[in-house]
Amino acid sequence: MSVSPDAPLYLDQAAEYLSVSPKTIRRMISRGEVPAYRLAGNGRLRFLKKDLDALLVPVPAVARRGGGRA
């Protein structure tokens, strides 16, 4: 999905971007893990891509034991 860094995403778009379900996004909002926004007068949730990107953290490389294949 190609999205402008400044464009707000709707719930379904945010879920697709993170490869999770909309229900998972709603749980993350409830736990305070991701901020969500509403435009005054419109009930649809919106998300900023930079907030979603902050959830993605790199996984450190793990050294192999014994030099065998994983």
PDB file of N, CA and C in Angstrom:
ATOM      1  N   MET A   1       0.844  -1.173   0.000  1.00  0.00           N
ATOM      2  CA  MET A   1       0.000   0.000   0.000  1.00  0.00           C
ATOM      3  C   MET A   1       0.889   1.236   0.000  1.00  0.00           C
ATOM      4  N   SER A   2       0.719   2.093  -0.968  1.00  0.00           N
ATOM      5  CA  SER A   2       1.484   3.321  -1.060  1.00  0.00           C
ATOM      6  C   SER A   2       0.627   4.465  -0.524  1.00  0.00           C
ATOM      7  N   VAL A   3       1.098   5.081   0.562  1.00  0.00           N
ATOM      8  CA  VAL A   3       0.324   6.128   1.219  1.00  0.00           C
ATOM      9  C   VAL A   3       1.238   7.304   1.507  1.00  0.00           C
ATOM     10  N   SER A   4       0.736   8.501   1.259  1.00  0.00           N
ATOM     11  CA  SER A   4       1.482   9.700   1.608  1.00  0.00           C
ATOM     12  C   SER A   4       1.717   9.718   3.119  1.00  0.00           C
ATOM     13  N   PRO A   5       2.909  10.105   3.558  1.00  0.00           N
ATOM     14  CA  PRO A   5       3.197  10.096   4.995  1.00  0.00           C
ATOM     15  C   PRO A   5       2.272  10.999   5.809  1.00  0.00           C
ATOM     16  N   ASP A   6       1.708  12.020   5.168  1.00  0.00           N
ATOM     17  CA  ASP A   6       0.859  12.967   5.895  1.00  0.00           C
ATOM     18  C   ASP A   6      -0.625  12.659   5.785  1.00  0.00           C
ATOM     19  N   ALA A   7      -1.008  11.707   4.934  1.00  0.00           N
ATOM     20  CA  ALA A   7      -2.423  11.409   4.723  1.00  0.00           C
ATOM     21  C   ALA A   7      -2.980  10.578   5.869  1.00  0.00           C
ATOM     22  N   PRO A   8      -4.116  11.000   6.436  1.00  0.00           N
ATOM     23  CA  PRO A   8      -4.727  10.176   7.483  1.00  0.00           C
ATOM     24  C   PRO A   8      -5.317   8.904   6.884  1.00  0.00           C
ATOM     25  N   LEU A   9      -5.275   7.832   7.641  1.00  0.00           N
ATOM     26  CA  LEU A   9      -5.825   6.553   7.206  1.00  0.00           C
ATOM     27  C   LEU A   9      -7.094   6.259   8.005  1.00  0.00           C
ATOM     28  N   TYR A  10      -8.058   5.628   7.350  1.00  0.00           N
ATOM     29  CA  TYR A  10      -9.255   5.164   8.051  1.00  0.00           C
ATOM     30  C   TYR A  10      -8.960   3.816   8.689  1.00  0.00           C
ATOM     31  N   LEU A  11      -9.861   3.339   9.535  1.00  0.00           N
ATOM     32  CA  LEU A  11      -9.661   2.111  10.290  1.00  0.00           C
ATOM     33  C   LEU A  11      -9.272   0.931   9.395  1.00  0.00           C
ATOM     34  N   ASP A  12     -10.024   0.696   8.337  1.00  0.00           N
ATOM     35  CA  ASP A  12      -9.712  -0.428   7.442  1.00  0.00           C
ATOM     36  C   ASP A  12      -8.352  -0.269   6.781  1.00  0.00           C
ATOM     37  N   GLN A  13      -8.009   0.956   6.415  1.00  0.00           N
ATOM     38  CA  GLN A  13      -6.715   1.201   5.789  1.00  0.00           C
ATOM     39  C   GLN A  13      -5.574   0.981   6.785  1.00  0.00           C
ATOM     40  N   ALA A  14      -5.764   1.429   8.024  1.00  0.00           N
ATOM     41  CA  ALA A  14      -4.737   1.241   9.054  1.00  0.00           C
ATOM     42  C   ALA A  14      -4.534  -0.245   9.340  1.00  0.00           C
ATOM     43  N   ALA A  15      -5.634  -0.990   9.399  1.00  0.00           N
ATOM     44  CA  ALA A  15      -5.541  -2.429   9.638  1.00  0.00           C
ATOM     45  C   ALA A  15      -4.790  -3.109   8.491  1.00  0.00           C
ATOM     46  N   GLU A  16      -5.107  -2.732   7.264  1.00  0.00           N
ATOM     47  CA  GLU A  16      -4.413  -3.310   6.110  1.00  0.00           C
ATOM     48  C   GLU A  16      -2.931  -2.949   6.130  1.00  0.00           C
ATOM     49  N   TYR A  17      -2.618  -1.719   6.467  1.00  0.00           N
ATOM     50  CA  TYR A  17      -1.228  -1.255   6.507  1.00  0.00           C
ATOM     51  C   TYR A  17      -0.402  -2.085   7.491  1.00  0.00           C
ATOM     52  N   LEU A  18      -0.994  -2.416   8.645  1.00  0.00           N
ATOM     53  CA  LEU A  18      -0.288  -3.196   9.667  1.00  0.00           C
ATOM     54  C   LEU A  18      -0.503  -4.699   9.512  1.00  0.00           C
ATOM     55  N   SER A  19      -1.317  -5.096   8.548  1.00  0.00           N
ATOM     56  CA  SER A  19      -1.634  -6.521   8.323  1.00  0.00           C
ATOM     57  C   SER A  19      -2.279  -7.162   9.552  1.00  0.00           C
ATOM     58  N   VAL A  20      -3.223  -6.438  10.130  1.00  0.00           N
ATOM     59  CA  VAL A  20      -4.011  -6.939  11.260  1.00  0.00           C
ATOM     60  C   VAL A  20      -5.482  -6.662  10.966  1.00  0.00           C
ATOM     61  N   SER A  21      -6.360  -7.152  11.808  1.00  0.00           N
ATOM     62  CA  SER A  21      -7.789  -6.914  11.612  1.00  0.00           C
ATOM     63  C   SER A  21      -8.189  -5.563  12.207  1.00  0.00           C
ATOM     64  N   PRO A  22      -9.301  -4.994  11.724  1.00  0.00           N
ATOM     65  CA  PRO A  22      -9.812  -3.767  12.347  1.00  0.00           C
ATOM     66  C   PRO A  22     -10.094  -3.959  13.839  1.00  0.00           C
ATOM     67  N   LYS A  23     -10.521  -5.156  14.232  1.00  0.00           N
ATOM     68  CA  LYS A  23     -10.777  -5.438  15.650  1.00  0.00           C
ATOM     69  C   LYS A  23      -9.486  -5.309  16.468  1.00  0.00           C
ATOM     70  N   THR A  24      -8.379  -5.760  15.902  1.00  0.00           N
ATOM     71  CA  THR A  24      -7.091  -5.630  16.586  1.00  0.00           C
ATOM     72  C   THR A  24      -6.719  -4.169  16.755  1.00  0.00           C
ATOM     73  N   ILE A  25      -6.961  -3.361  15.738  1.00  0.00           N
ATOM     74  CA  ILE A  25      -6.684  -1.919  15.839  1.00  0.00           C
ATOM     75  C   ILE A  25      -7.521  -1.311  16.955  1.00  0.00           C
ATOM     76  N   ARG A  26      -8.792  -1.693  17.036  1.00  0.00           N
ATOM     77  CA  ARG A  26      -9.655  -1.157  18.106  1.00  0.00           C
ATOM     78  C   ARG A  26      -9.133  -1.558  19.488  1.00  0.00           C
ATOM     79  N   ARG A  27      -8.636  -2.777  19.621  1.00  0.00           N
ATOM     80  CA  ARG A  27      -8.050  -3.213  20.899  1.00  0.00           C
ATOM     81  C   ARG A  27      -6.802  -2.386  21.226  1.00  0.00           C
ATOM     82  N   MET A  28      -6.005  -2.119  20.227  1.00  0.00           N
ATOM     83  CA  MET A  28      -4.791  -1.326  20.428  1.00  0.00           C
ATOM     84  C   MET A  28      -5.140   0.093  20.887  1.00  0.00           C
ATOM     85  N   ILE A  29      -6.213   0.650  20.354  1.00  0.00           N
ATOM     86  CA  ILE A  29      -6.676   1.972  20.783  1.00  0.00           C
ATOM     87  C   ILE A  29      -7.079   1.905  22.261  1.00  0.00           C
ATOM     88  N   SER A  30      -7.845   0.871  22.623  1.00  0.00           N
ATOM     89  CA  SER A  30      -8.319   0.718  24.006  1.00  0.00           C
ATOM     90  C   SER A  30      -7.169   0.600  24.995  1.00  0.00           C
ATOM     91  N   ARG A  31      -6.088  -0.077  24.561  1.00  0.00           N
ATOM     92  CA  ARG A  31      -4.914  -0.257  25.431  1.00  0.00           C
ATOM     93  C   ARG A  31      -3.984   0.949  25.411  1.00  0.00           C
ATOM     94  N   GLY A  32      -4.298   1.946  24.581  1.00  0.00           N
ATOM     95  CA  GLY A  32      -3.461   3.140  24.501  1.00  0.00           C
ATOM     96  C   GLY A  32      -2.194   2.941  23.680  1.00  0.00           C
ATOM     97  N   GLU A  33      -2.166   1.917  22.841  1.00  0.00           N
ATOM     98  CA  GLU A  33      -0.969   1.615  22.053  1.00  0.00           C
ATOM     99  C   GLU A  33      -0.867   2.449  20.771  1.00  0.00           C
ATOM    100  N   VAL A  34      -1.986   2.922  20.295  1.00  0.00           N
ATOM    101  CA  VAL A  34      -1.979   3.740  19.082  1.00  0.00           C
ATOM    102  C   VAL A  34      -3.026   4.844  19.221  1.00  0.00           C
ATOM    103  N   PRO A  35      -2.643   6.086  18.908  1.00  0.00           N
ATOM    104  CA  PRO A  35      -3.627   7.168  18.973  1.00  0.00           C
ATOM    105  C   PRO A  35      -4.549   7.139  17.756  1.00  0.00           C
ATOM    106  N   ALA A  36      -5.788   7.499  17.982  1.00  0.00           N
ATOM    107  CA  ALA A  36      -6.776   7.607  16.910  1.00  0.00           C
ATOM    108  C   ALA A  36      -7.401   8.992  16.998  1.00  0.00           C
ATOM    109  N   TYR A  37      -7.873   9.470  15.876  1.00  0.00           N
ATOM    110  CA  TYR A  37      -8.434  10.813  15.799  1.00  0.00           C
ATOM    111  C   TYR A  37      -9.793  10.758  15.121  1.00  0.00           C
ATOM    112  N   ARG A  38     -10.646  11.720  15.479  1.00  0.00           N
ATOM    113  CA  ARG A  38     -11.942  11.891  14.811  1.00  0.00           C
ATOM    114  C   ARG A  38     -12.027  13.341  14.362  1.00  0.00           C
ATOM    115  N   LEU A  39     -12.505  13.542  13.167  1.00  0.00           N
ATOM    116  CA  LEU A  39     -12.765  14.881  12.668  1.00  0.00           C
ATOM    117  C   LEU A  39     -14.080  15.332  13.286  1.00  0.00           C
ATOM    118  N   ALA A  40     -14.124  16.544  13.793  1.00  0.00           N
ATOM    119  CA  ALA A  40     -15.343  17.054  14.406  1.00  0.00           C
ATOM    120  C   ALA A  40     -16.517  16.925  13.441  1.00  0.00           C
ATOM    121  N   GLY A  41     -17.611  16.354  13.922  1.00  0.00           N
ATOM    122  CA  GLY A  41     -18.798  16.194  13.093  1.00  0.00           C
ATOM    123  C   GLY A  41     -18.807  14.924  12.265  1.00  0.00           C
ATOM    124  N   ASN A  42     -17.742  14.121  12.360  1.00  0.00           N
ATOM    125  CA  ASN A  42     -17.662  12.878  11.594  1.00  0.00           C
ATOM    126  C   ASN A  42     -17.138  11.792  12.523  1.00  0.00           C
ATOM    127  N   GLY A  43     -17.863  10.697  12.654  1.00  0.00           N
ATOM    128  CA  GLY A  43     -17.509   9.667  13.611  1.00  0.00           C
ATOM    129  C   GLY A  43     -16.431   8.704  13.182  1.00  0.00           C
ATOM    130  N   ARG A  44     -15.960   8.776  11.927  1.00  0.00           N
ATOM    131  CA  ARG A  44     -14.962   7.815  11.452  1.00  0.00           C
ATOM    132  C   ARG A  44     -13.605   8.054  12.099  1.00  0.00           C
ATOM    133  N   LEU A  45     -13.003   6.965  12.553  1.00  0.00           N
ATOM    134  CA  LEU A  45     -11.671   7.044  13.135  1.00  0.00           C
ATOM    135  C   LEU A  45     -10.642   7.274  12.043  1.00  0.00           C
ATOM    136  N   ARG A  46      -9.620   8.029  12.392  1.00  0.00           N
ATOM    137  CA  ARG A  46      -8.503   8.275  11.486  1.00  0.00           C
ATOM    138  C   ARG A  46      -7.203   8.042  12.239  1.00  0.00           C
ATOM    139  N   PHE A  47      -6.180   7.668  11.486  1.00  0.00           N
ATOM    140  CA  PHE A  47      -4.872   7.360  12.066  1.00  0.00           C
ATOM    141  C   PHE A  47      -3.802   8.045  11.234  1.00  0.00           C
ATOM    142  N   LEU A  48      -2.729   8.442  11.895  1.00  0.00           N
ATOM    143  CA  LEU A  48      -1.598   9.016  11.184  1.00  0.00           C
ATOM    144  C   LEU A  48      -0.585   7.914  10.918  1.00  0.00           C
ATOM    145  N   LYS A  49      -0.058   7.882   9.695  1.00  0.00           N
ATOM    146  CA  LYS A  49       0.886   6.851   9.308  1.00  0.00           C
ATOM    147  C   LYS A  49       2.099   6.848  10.230  1.00  0.00           C
ATOM    148  N   LYS A  50       2.561   8.021  10.648  1.00  0.00           N
ATOM    149  CA  LYS A  50       3.734   8.089  11.530  1.00  0.00           C
ATOM    150  C   LYS A  50       3.457   7.392  12.868  1.00  0.00           C
ATOM    151  N   ASP A  51       2.208   7.454  13.358  1.00  0.00           N
ATOM    152  CA  ASP A  51       1.857   6.762  14.596  1.00  0.00           C
ATOM    153  C   ASP A  51       1.869   5.250  14.397  1.00  0.00           C
ATOM    154  N   LEU A  52       1.407   4.798  13.226  1.00  0.00           N
ATOM    155  CA  LEU A  52       1.412   3.369  12.928  1.00  0.00           C
ATOM    156  C   LEU A  52       2.844   2.873  12.725  1.00  0.00           C
ATOM    157  N   ASP A  53       3.665   3.675  12.050  1.00  0.00           N
ATOM    158  CA  ASP A  53       5.061   3.297  11.839  1.00  0.00           C
ATOM    159  C   ASP A  53       5.807   3.145  13.161  1.00  0.00           C
ATOM    160  N   ALA A  54       5.428   3.927  14.166  1.00  0.00           N
ATOM    161  CA  ALA A  54       6.084   3.850  15.479  1.00  0.00           C
ATOM    162  C   ALA A  54       5.845   2.503  16.158  1.00  0.00           C
ATOM    163  N   LEU A  55       4.806   1.782  15.733  1.00  0.00           N
ATOM    164  CA  LEU A  55       4.522   0.463  16.313  1.00  0.00           C
ATOM    165  C   LEU A  55       5.458  -0.614  15.764  1.00  0.00           C
ATOM    166  N   LEU A  56       6.042  -0.343  14.597  1.00  0.00           N
ATOM    167  CA  LEU A  56       6.901  -1.326  13.947  1.00  0.00           C
ATOM    168  C   LEU A  56       8.327  -1.166  14.472  1.00  0.00           C
ATOM    169  N   VAL A  57       8.824  -2.191  15.135  1.00  0.00           N
ATOM    170  CA  VAL A  57      10.182  -2.133  15.689  1.00  0.00           C
ATOM    171  C   VAL A  57      11.025  -3.233  15.056  1.00  0.00           C
ATOM    172  N   PRO A  58      12.290  -2.949  14.790  1.00  0.00           N
ATOM    173  CA  PRO A  58      13.149  -3.965  14.189  1.00  0.00           C
ATOM    174  C   PRO A  58      13.423  -5.106  15.160  1.00  0.00           C
ATOM    175  N   VAL A  59      13.581  -6.286  14.615  1.00  0.00           N
ATOM    176  CA  VAL A  59      13.914  -7.468  15.406  1.00  0.00           C
ATOM    177  C   VAL A  59      15.415  -7.668  15.295  1.00  0.00           C
ATOM    178  N   PRO A  60      16.111  -7.750  16.438  1.00  0.00           N
ATOM    179  CA  PRO A  60      17.566  -7.920  16.373  1.00  0.00           C
ATOM    180  C   PRO A  60      17.930  -9.305  15.830  1.00  0.00           C
ATOM    181  N   ALA A  61      19.061  -9.367  15.162  1.00  0.00           N
ATOM    182  CA  ALA A  61      19.555 -10.642  14.649  1.00  0.00           C
ATOM    183  C   ALA A  61      19.958 -11.529  15.817  1.00  0.00           C
ATOM    184  N   VAL A  62      19.725 -12.811  15.664  1.00  0.00           N
ATOM    185  CA  VAL A  62      20.070 -13.767  16.705  1.00  0.00           C
ATOM    186  C   VAL A  62      21.239 -14.606  16.202  1.00  0.00           C
ATOM    187  N   ALA A  63      22.264 -14.720  17.021  1.00  0.00           N
ATOM    188  CA  ALA A  63      23.421 -15.522  16.630  1.00  0.00           C
ATOM    189  C   ALA A  63      23.049 -17.000  16.639  1.00  0.00           C
ATOM    190  N   ARG A  64      23.485 -17.706  15.627  1.00  0.00           N
ATOM    191  CA  ARG A  64      23.225 -19.150  15.550  1.00  0.00           C
ATOM    192  C   ARG A  64      24.198 -19.901  16.430  1.00  0.00           C
ATOM    193  N   ARG A  65      23.710 -21.000  16.972  1.00  0.00           N
ATOM    194  CA  ARG A  65      24.580 -21.873  17.762  1.00  0.00           C
ATOM    195  C   ARG A  65      25.151 -22.965  16.865  1.00  0.00           C
ATOM    196  N   GLY A  66      26.410 -23.258  17.017  1.00  0.00           N
ATOM    197  CA  GLY A  66      27.017 -24.388  16.326  1.00  0.00           C
ATOM    198  C   GLY A  66      27.151 -24.222  14.830  1.00  0.00           C
ATOM    199  N   GLY A  67      26.795 -23.080  14.290  1.00  0.00           N
ATOM    200  CA  GLY A  67      26.962 -22.845  12.869  1.00  0.00           C
ATOM    201  C   GLY A  67      26.033 -23.643  11.966  1.00  0.00           C
ATOM    202  N   GLY A  68      25.055 -24.335  12.540  1.00  0.00           N
ATOM    203  CA  GLY A  68      24.117 -25.130  11.732  1.00  0.00           C
ATOM    204  C   GLY A  68      23.073 -24.268  11.078  1.00  0.00           C
ATOM    205  N   ARG A  69      22.286 -24.887  10.234  1.00  0.00           N
ATOM    206  CA  ARG A  69      21.197 -24.141   9.584  1.00  0.00           C
ATOM    207  C   ARG A  69      19.979 -24.087  10.480  1.00  0.00           C
ATOM    208  N   ALA A  70      19.233 -23.010  10.347  1.00  0.00           N
ATOM    209  CA  ALA A  70      18.022 -22.852  11.163  1.00  0.00           C
ATOM    210  C   ALA A  70      16.877 -23.634  10.582  1.00  0.00           C
TER     211      ALA A  70
END
